[in-house]
Amino acid sequence: MSISRRMMIGGSLAMLAACNGRFSSLFTSTDTHVLGYPTVQAVIRFGETLSAQTNGRLGVKMYAGGQLGNERDTLEITTFGGLDFNRVNLAPLNSIEPLTKVPALPFLFESTEHMRTAMDGDIGDEILASLEPHGLIGLCFYDSGSRSFYNTRGPINSPEDMVGLKLRVPGSDLYIGMIDSLGADAVPMPLDEVYQSLAQGVIDGAENNWPSFENGKHFEVARYYSLTRHLLAPEMFVMSKISWDKLSADDQALVRDTAKQSVIYMRELWDAQVAKSMEIVLASGVEVNEVDPAPFTEKMMGMWGDFIDTPQQQDLVDRILSLRKGTN
């Protein structure tokens, strides 16, 4: 991230400090999604609950809609304490901590229920804890739904239909490898650049969930949505370790517990948002097609070994797979 970008964001946060005498207790949080998006609203609720539990001593100021930059930039700011909280996709975390690659594997989770069971238990806690040596405190996982492919050219029914397509992915070697395994060309790009890139033909398509496809208006230019459901990767809500270490033990416990509670609220909002986004997209006339996942599964699972290369990673994969129905 450029020095000028850091100075601009630092200046914005300094202005907040100057305007609020309790800045030490008013935490900052950021999200690339806009106000109203489930993750944004969950963090706002998190802050409201903290305030209620502490009689206004603790609170959260949310910067939504990418006001402070893309996730990679804001994650860096969070690690050195310039931001207190951050809701972030797994992609920018993949290069920081290898364990975060596990829940980002394509076709790892067989259902939303399976993902939630794994991430709500010891497996999820182990992945969250792995961020602490990197200057982050992993607090909880938020849903990100099932991700499928959309593009401007036509329906995707098999991996052969993807050969040569330029598809946006988050900036992660794992996501790039996933697209490469299907014969398409991966184009790493921040989420806020996708709409314009689709409209201008810089890319042919992308992959994401129903709410992001609809909320980002991508469906207005990419009129084909093919339901591969290749990813059910969650997202993380994290805190700067520098900010965390300034809290008392009681406040640390309160922050962690309140974050976990916010997951319940987020999932209620998420399920409702998915239904709403589906309705909007279908009503717009976008061509939506179901896809036989078998040939996609074979190719994508074949690249797991390129990214799962430690015993601890493999142990997590095995434990997640053991939670699938019919394996117990």
Protein backbone atom coordinates (compact mmCIF):
# COMPACT_ATOMS: atom_id res chain seq x y z
CA MET A 1 0.00 0.00 0.00
CA SER A 2 1.33 3.45 -0.87
CA ILE A 3 2.54 5.89 1.77
CA SER A 4 0.02 8.47 0.57
CA ARG A 5 -2.80 5.97 1.03
CA ARG A 6 -1.66 5.26 4.59
CA MET A 7 -1.47 8.97 5.36
CA MET A 8 -4.97 9.57 4.02
CA ILE A 9 -6.47 6.78 6.11
CA GLY A 10 -4.43 7.78 9.14
CA GLY A 11 -5.70 11.32 8.76
CA SER A 12 -9.32 10.14 8.64
CA LEU A 13 -8.88 8.16 11.85
CA ALA A 14 -7.10 11.05 13.53
CA MET A 15 -10.04 13.31 12.71
CA LEU A 16 -12.35 10.79 14.36
CA ALA A 17 -10.13 10.88 17.45
CA ALA A 18 -10.25 14.63 17.57
CA CYS A 19 -14.04 14.66 17.31
CA ASN A 20 -14.62 12.11 20.02
CA GLY A 21 -13.20 12.46 23.49
CA ARG A 22 -13.69 8.75 24.16
CA PHE A 23 -11.76 7.55 21.09
CA SER A 24 -9.80 5.05 23.18
CA SER A 25 -13.10 3.26 23.74
CA LEU A 26 -14.65 3.90 20.33
CA PHE A 27 -13.16 1.20 18.13
CA THR A 28 -12.92 1.45 14.35
CA SER A 29 -14.05 -1.30 11.98
CA THR A 30 -14.14 -1.63 8.22
CA ASP A 31 -15.87 -3.68 5.53
CA THR A 32 -15.75 -3.51 1.75
CA HIS A 33 -19.49 -4.21 1.58
CA VAL A 34 -22.05 -1.42 1.83
CA LEU A 35 -24.37 -0.52 4.69
CA GLY A 36 -27.21 -3.02 4.84
CA TYR A 37 -25.03 -5.98 3.84
CA PRO A 38 -25.28 -8.79 6.43
CA THR A 39 -21.63 -8.66 7.54
CA VAL A 40 -21.78 -4.89 7.97
CA GLN A 41 -24.99 -5.05 9.96
CA ALA A 42 -23.62 -7.87 12.14
CA VAL A 43 -20.59 -5.77 13.12
CA ILE A 44 -22.81 -2.77 13.81
CA ARG A 45 -24.91 -5.00 16.08
CA PHE A 46 -21.67 -6.24 17.69
CA GLY A 47 -20.76 -2.63 18.51
CA GLU A 48 -24.21 -1.83 19.84
CA THR A 49 -24.07 -4.87 22.11
CA LEU A 50 -20.63 -3.90 23.41
CA SER A 51 -21.94 -0.42 24.18
CA ALA A 52 -24.99 -1.79 25.99
CA GLN A 53 -22.91 -4.25 28.01
CA THR A 54 -20.46 -1.53 29.14
CA ASN A 55 -22.87 1.40 29.59
CA GLY A 56 -21.36 3.16 26.60
CA ARG A 57 -17.73 2.67 27.59
CA LEU A 58 -16.98 0.57 24.48
CA GLY A 59 -18.38 1.07 21.00
CA VAL A 60 -17.60 0.64 17.31
CA LYS A 61 -17.48 3.13 14.43
CA MET A 62 -18.09 1.29 11.13
CA TYR A 63 -16.50 2.37 7.84
CA ALA A 64 -18.49 0.40 5.26
CA GLY A 65 -18.46 0.35 1.48
CA GLY A 66 -14.68 0.20 1.14
CA GLN A 67 -14.22 3.75 2.46
CA LEU A 68 -10.77 2.88 3.76
CA GLY A 69 -9.60 0.78 0.82
CA ASN A 70 -9.68 -2.82 -0.33
CA GLU A 71 -9.32 -5.75 2.02
CA ARG A 72 -5.62 -6.30 1.47
CA ASP A 73 -4.85 -2.68 2.35
CA THR A 74 -7.13 -2.51 5.38
CA LEU A 75 -5.85 -5.84 6.67
CA GLU A 76 -2.33 -4.42 6.70
CA ILE A 77 -3.57 -1.35 8.55
CA THR A 78 -5.30 -3.61 11.08
CA THR A 79 -2.14 -5.59 11.80
CA PHE A 80 -0.24 -2.43 12.83
CA GLY A 81 -3.16 -1.11 14.90
CA GLY A 82 -4.45 1.62 12.61
CA LEU A 83 -7.83 -0.15 12.60
CA ASP A 84 -9.26 -2.14 15.46
CA PHE A 85 -11.63 -4.54 13.67
CA ASN A 86 -11.96 -5.86 10.14
CA ARG A 87 -14.35 -8.20 8.33
CA VAL A 88 -12.23 -9.88 5.71
CA ASN A 89 -12.43 -12.62 3.08
CA LEU A 90 -10.10 -15.59 3.49
CA ALA A 91 -8.20 -14.74 0.29
CA PRO A 92 -5.89 -12.01 1.71
CA LEU A 93 -5.34 -14.17 4.78
CA ASN A 94 -4.13 -17.14 2.70
CA SER A 95 -0.71 -15.57 2.14
CA ILE A 96 -0.39 -14.75 5.84
CA GLU A 97 -1.45 -18.00 7.53
CA PRO A 98 -1.52 -21.44 5.80
CA LEU A 99 -4.36 -22.79 7.96
CA THR A 100 -6.77 -20.26 6.41
CA LYS A 101 -6.39 -22.09 3.10
CA VAL A 102 -8.25 -25.09 4.48
CA PRO A 103 -11.81 -23.66 4.62
CA ALA A 104 -11.15 -21.96 1.26
CA LEU A 105 -10.72 -25.27 -0.57
CA PRO A 106 -13.27 -25.87 -3.36
CA PHE A 107 -15.85 -28.59 -2.69
CA LEU A 108 -14.59 -29.12 0.87
CA PHE A 109 -17.98 -28.45 2.47
CA GLU A 110 -20.98 -30.42 1.27
CA SER A 111 -23.56 -27.96 2.63
CA THR A 112 -24.03 -24.78 4.62
CA GLU A 113 -24.88 -26.90 7.64
CA HIS A 114 -21.59 -28.79 7.27
CA MET A 115 -19.59 -25.55 7.03
CA ARG A 116 -21.29 -24.03 10.05
CA THR A 117 -20.76 -27.16 12.14
CA ALA A 118 -17.05 -27.23 11.34
CA MET A 119 -16.40 -23.51 11.79
CA ASP A 120 -18.42 -23.21 15.01
CA GLY A 121 -16.39 -25.88 16.78
CA ASP A 122 -12.79 -26.78 17.64
CA ILE A 123 -11.72 -26.75 13.97
CA GLY A 124 -12.82 -23.17 13.52
CA ASP A 125 -11.27 -22.10 16.82
CA GLU A 126 -7.93 -23.60 15.76
CA ILE A 127 -7.95 -21.61 12.53
CA LEU A 128 -8.95 -18.41 14.32
CA ALA A 129 -6.15 -18.85 16.87
CA SER A 130 -3.58 -19.31 14.10
CA LEU A 131 -3.77 -15.59 13.25
CA GLU A 132 -2.41 -14.31 16.56
CA PRO A 133 1.31 -14.66 15.62
CA HIS A 134 0.51 -12.48 12.59
CA GLY A 135 -0.83 -9.55 14.61
CA LEU A 136 -4.50 -10.46 14.38
CA ILE A 137 -7.04 -11.96 16.76
CA GLY A 138 -9.54 -14.17 14.97
CA LEU A 139 -12.93 -13.63 16.62
CA CYS A 140 -15.48 -15.55 14.55
CA PHE A 141 -16.55 -16.75 11.13
CA TYR A 142 -19.33 -15.17 9.10
CA ASP A 143 -21.17 -16.89 6.25
CA SER A 144 -20.30 -16.06 2.67
CA GLY A 145 -22.70 -18.47 1.01
CA SER A 146 -22.05 -20.72 -1.95
CA ARG A 147 -20.03 -19.23 -4.79
CA SER A 148 -20.78 -19.92 -8.45
CA PHE A 149 -19.58 -18.63 -11.82
CA TYR A 150 -21.14 -15.79 -13.77
CA ASN A 151 -20.05 -14.35 -17.08
CA THR A 152 -20.99 -12.22 -20.09
CA ARG A 153 -20.67 -14.88 -22.80
CA GLY A 154 -22.99 -17.79 -22.11
CA PRO A 155 -24.00 -20.61 -19.74
CA ILE A 156 -21.28 -22.78 -18.21
CA ASN A 157 -22.23 -26.45 -18.13
CA SER A 158 -18.83 -28.13 -18.02
CA PRO A 159 -15.20 -27.18 -17.42
CA GLU A 160 -14.74 -27.16 -21.20
CA ASP A 161 -17.04 -24.12 -21.38
CA MET A 162 -14.56 -22.20 -19.22
CA VAL A 163 -11.45 -22.61 -21.34
CA GLY A 164 -10.06 -19.20 -22.20
CA LEU A 165 -12.51 -17.19 -20.07
CA LYS A 166 -10.92 -14.33 -18.13
CA LEU A 167 -12.39 -14.63 -14.64
CA ARG A 168 -11.87 -12.31 -11.69
CA VAL A 169 -10.69 -13.88 -8.46
CA PRO A 170 -9.64 -12.44 -5.09
CA GLY A 171 -5.88 -12.04 -4.73
CA SER A 172 -4.94 -15.53 -3.55
CA ASP A 173 -2.76 -18.23 -5.08
CA LEU A 174 -5.39 -20.77 -4.06
CA TYR A 175 -8.14 -18.98 -6.00
CA ILE A 176 -5.82 -18.59 -8.99
CA GLY A 177 -4.98 -22.30 -8.89
CA MET A 178 -8.68 -23.16 -8.69
CA ILE A 179 -9.44 -21.22 -11.88
CA ASP A 180 -6.34 -22.54 -13.64
CA SER A 181 -7.45 -26.11 -12.92
CA LEU A 182 -10.56 -25.48 -15.03
CA GLY A 183 -8.69 -24.06 -18.01
CA ALA A 184 -9.82 -20.47 -17.49
CA ASP A 185 -7.55 -17.46 -16.97
CA ALA A 186 -7.57 -16.05 -13.43
CA VAL A 187 -7.45 -12.26 -13.08
CA PRO A 188 -6.80 -11.15 -9.45
CA MET A 189 -8.80 -7.99 -8.77
CA PRO A 190 -10.42 -6.13 -5.85
CA LEU A 191 -14.18 -6.59 -5.62
CA ASP A 192 -14.94 -2.92 -6.23
CA GLU A 193 -13.35 -3.08 -9.69
CA VAL A 194 -15.42 -6.00 -10.97
CA TYR A 195 -18.48 -4.15 -12.30
CA GLN A 196 -16.51 -1.75 -14.48
CA SER A 197 -14.20 -4.52 -15.67
CA LEU A 198 -17.17 -6.63 -16.73
CA ALA A 199 -18.80 -3.69 -18.48
CA GLN A 200 -15.61 -2.80 -20.36
CA GLY A 201 -14.73 -6.37 -21.30
CA VAL A 202 -11.54 -6.42 -19.25
CA ILE A 203 -12.81 -9.68 -17.77
CA ASP A 204 -15.44 -12.14 -19.01
CA GLY A 205 -16.79 -13.08 -15.62
CA ALA A 206 -16.18 -13.83 -11.97
CA GLU A 207 -17.37 -16.14 -9.20
CA ASN A 208 -19.29 -15.17 -6.11
CA ASN A 209 -22.41 -15.67 -4.03
CA TRP A 210 -25.96 -14.47 -4.76
CA PRO A 211 -25.78 -11.35 -2.53
CA SER A 212 -22.48 -10.13 -4.00
CA PHE A 213 -23.65 -10.87 -7.56
CA GLU A 214 -26.76 -8.79 -6.91
CA ASN A 215 -25.45 -6.19 -4.43
CA GLY A 216 -22.50 -5.25 -6.66
CA LYS A 217 -24.84 -4.94 -9.67
CA HIS A 218 -22.72 -7.49 -11.52
CA PHE A 219 -25.90 -9.17 -12.77
CA GLU A 220 -26.61 -6.07 -14.86
CA VAL A 221 -23.66 -6.84 -17.14
CA ALA A 222 -22.98 -10.56 -16.58
CA ARG A 223 -26.22 -12.16 -17.69
CA TYR A 224 -25.30 -15.81 -17.19
CA TYR A 225 -25.06 -17.39 -13.71
CA SER A 226 -24.07 -21.06 -13.56
CA LEU A 227 -24.64 -22.75 -10.21
CA THR A 228 -21.47 -24.76 -9.63
CA ARG A 229 -21.54 -23.98 -5.89
CA HIS A 230 -17.84 -24.77 -5.81
CA LEU A 231 -17.06 -22.80 -2.65
CA LEU A 232 -18.71 -22.45 0.73
CA ALA A 233 -15.76 -20.61 2.24
CA PRO A 234 -16.66 -18.44 5.25
CA GLU A 235 -15.22 -15.02 6.06
CA MET A 236 -13.49 -13.82 9.21
CA PHE A 237 -14.09 -11.04 11.70
CA VAL A 238 -10.72 -10.12 13.17
CA MET A 239 -9.24 -7.64 15.63
CA SER A 240 -5.83 -6.01 15.70
CA LYS A 241 -3.66 -7.71 18.30
CA ILE A 242 -2.26 -4.31 19.21
CA SER A 243 -5.76 -3.13 20.10
CA TRP A 244 -6.58 -6.45 21.77
CA ASP A 245 -3.56 -6.27 24.07
CA LYS A 246 -4.75 -2.90 25.39
CA LEU A 247 -7.94 -4.49 26.73
CA SER A 248 -8.37 -5.97 30.18
CA ALA A 249 -8.93 -9.73 30.42
CA ASP A 250 -12.61 -9.10 31.17
CA ASP A 251 -12.99 -6.85 28.12
CA GLN A 252 -11.20 -9.39 25.93
CA ALA A 253 -13.66 -12.06 27.04
CA LEU A 254 -16.57 -9.68 26.40
CA VAL A 255 -15.33 -8.84 22.88
CA ARG A 256 -14.84 -12.50 21.99
CA ASP A 257 -18.23 -13.58 23.38
CA THR A 258 -20.04 -10.67 21.73
CA ALA A 259 -18.44 -11.47 18.37
CA LYS A 260 -19.59 -15.09 18.64
CA GLN A 261 -23.12 -13.89 19.46
CA SER A 262 -23.12 -11.68 16.36
CA VAL A 263 -22.77 -14.77 14.17
CA ILE A 264 -26.34 -15.82 14.99
CA TYR A 265 -27.68 -12.43 13.91
CA MET A 266 -25.48 -12.38 10.80
CA ARG A 267 -26.76 -15.76 9.64
CA GLU A 268 -30.37 -14.69 10.03
CA LEU A 269 -29.64 -11.65 7.88
CA TRP A 270 -27.62 -13.73 5.44
CA ASP A 271 -30.31 -16.31 4.77
CA ALA A 272 -32.85 -13.53 4.20
CA GLN A 273 -30.45 -11.63 1.92
CA VAL A 274 -29.76 -14.71 -0.22
CA ALA A 275 -33.48 -15.18 -0.82
CA LYS A 276 -33.92 -11.49 -1.65
CA SER A 277 -30.93 -11.39 -4.00
CA MET A 278 -32.07 -14.51 -5.83
CA GLU A 279 -35.49 -12.95 -6.37
CA ILE A 280 -33.99 -9.72 -7.75
CA VAL A 281 -31.58 -11.51 -10.10
CA LEU A 282 -34.18 -13.94 -11.44
CA ALA A 283 -36.69 -11.14 -11.98
CA SER A 284 -34.09 -9.26 -14.06
CA GLY A 285 -34.00 -12.04 -16.65
CA VAL A 286 -30.52 -13.34 -15.94
CA GLU A 287 -30.14 -16.87 -17.33
CA VAL A 288 -29.48 -19.16 -14.38
CA ASN A 289 -28.59 -22.82 -14.94
CA GLU A 290 -27.95 -25.76 -12.66
CA VAL A 291 -24.64 -27.54 -13.20
CA ASP A 292 -23.54 -31.14 -12.70
CA PRO A 293 -20.80 -30.62 -10.12
CA ALA A 294 -18.99 -33.93 -10.73
CA PRO A 295 -16.52 -32.83 -13.46
CA PHE A 296 -15.81 -29.58 -11.60
CA THR A 297 -15.28 -31.46 -8.34
CA GLU A 298 -12.79 -33.83 -9.95
CA LYS A 299 -10.67 -31.04 -11.39
CA MET A 300 -10.81 -28.71 -8.40
CA MET A 301 -10.17 -31.34 -5.74
CA GLY A 302 -7.19 -32.42 -7.81
CA MET A 303 -5.43 -29.17 -6.90
CA TRP A 304 -5.88 -29.52 -3.14
CA GLY A 305 -2.43 -31.08 -2.82
CA ASP A 306 -0.80 -27.98 -4.26
CA PHE A 307 -1.92 -25.96 -1.23
CA ILE A 308 -2.31 -28.47 1.61
CA ASP A 309 1.30 -29.28 2.40
CA THR A 310 1.59 -29.45 6.18
CA PRO A 311 0.43 -32.14 8.63
CA GLN A 312 -1.66 -29.57 10.55
CA GLN A 313 -3.48 -28.49 7.39
CA GLN A 314 -4.15 -32.09 6.40
CA ASP A 315 -5.42 -32.89 9.88
CA LEU A 316 -7.95 -30.06 9.63
CA VAL A 317 -9.06 -31.27 6.18
CA ASP A 318 -9.54 -34.81 7.49
CA ARG A 319 -11.52 -33.61 10.50
CA ILE A 320 -13.78 -31.46 8.32
CA LEU A 321 -14.39 -34.33 5.90
CA SER A 322 -15.22 -36.62 8.85
CA LEU A 323 -18.13 -34.30 9.71
CA ARG A 324 -19.85 -34.98 6.39
CA LYS A 325 -23.12 -36.86 6.66
CA GLY A 326 -22.69 -40.60 6.18
CA THR A 327 -19.06 -40.59 7.33
CA ASN A 328 -19.75 -40.96 11.06
